[in-house]
Amino acid sequence: MLTMNKKRTGLLFEDIADYAKDGRLTEPSDGKRYEWRKLIDAVKALGRPLTEEEAEQYRIK
């Protein structure tokens, strides 16, 4: 039997529907722009996410 044929409870969509205020799944943009390719390369080189201060170096002003 395919998994799609089974009725599952507790689906992600039901959970989101309970808590979502509107149709968006992400927060609105804060207007900051970054040099994404350089930022991603820095994350790969460090092997961890950047701090806010480190990410600020790649911000386009």
Protein backbone atom coordinates (compact mmCIF):
# COMPACT_ATOMS: atom_id res chain seq x y z
CA MET A 1 0.00 0.00 0.00
CA LEU A 2 1.29 3.43 -0.86
CA THR A 3 1.86 5.83 2.00
CA MET A 4 -0.26 8.39 0.23
CA ASN A 5 -3.31 6.16 0.53
CA LYS A 6 -3.11 6.09 4.32
CA LYS A 7 -4.79 8.84 6.29
CA ARG A 8 -2.18 10.40 8.59
CA THR A 9 -2.88 12.59 11.55
CA GLY A 10 -0.74 15.45 12.79
CA LEU A 11 0.41 16.62 9.39
CA LEU A 12 2.71 19.59 9.19
CA PHE A 13 0.09 21.58 7.29
CA GLU A 14 -2.45 21.15 10.04
CA ASP A 15 0.07 22.37 12.60
CA ILE A 16 0.97 25.41 10.50
CA ALA A 17 -2.69 26.21 9.93
CA ASP A 18 -3.24 26.33 13.69
CA TYR A 19 -0.48 28.88 14.29
CA ALA A 20 -0.19 30.89 11.07
CA LYS A 21 -1.49 34.44 11.18
CA ASP A 22 -1.65 34.72 7.39
CA GLY A 23 -0.55 32.76 4.31
CA ARG A 24 3.16 33.56 4.58
CA LEU A 25 5.59 30.85 5.67
CA THR A 26 8.48 33.27 6.21
CA GLU A 27 8.93 36.63 7.88
CA PRO A 28 8.86 39.81 5.79
CA SER A 29 12.21 41.07 4.54
CA ASP A 30 14.07 43.52 6.76
CA GLY A 31 15.44 45.29 3.66
CA LYS A 32 19.06 44.24 4.23
CA ARG A 33 20.93 42.96 1.19
CA TYR A 34 24.02 40.75 1.27
CA GLU A 35 26.66 39.46 -1.11
CA TRP A 36 25.30 35.93 -0.87
CA ARG A 37 27.97 34.06 -2.80
CA LYS A 38 30.76 35.48 -0.64
CA LEU A 39 28.71 34.93 2.51
CA ILE A 40 28.06 31.27 1.60
CA ASP A 41 31.75 30.72 0.84
CA ALA A 42 32.65 32.13 4.27
CA VAL A 43 30.18 29.77 5.97
CA LYS A 44 31.62 26.78 4.10
CA ALA A 45 35.18 27.79 5.02
CA LEU A 46 34.33 28.23 8.71
CA GLY A 47 32.05 25.20 8.91
CA ARG A 48 29.47 27.07 11.00
CA PRO A 49 26.89 29.84 10.62
CA LEU A 50 28.16 33.40 10.79
CA THR A 51 27.41 35.68 13.71
CA GLU A 52 25.52 38.91 13.08
CA GLU A 53 28.78 40.87 13.25
CA GLU A 54 30.51 38.56 10.75
CA ALA A 55 27.55 38.66 8.36
CA GLU A 56 27.54 42.45 8.52
CA GLN A 57 30.87 42.41 6.62
CA TYR A 58 29.01 41.06 3.57
CA ARG A 59 26.12 43.50 3.73
CA ILE A 60 25.54 45.75 0.71
CA LYS A 61 25.06 49.29 1.94
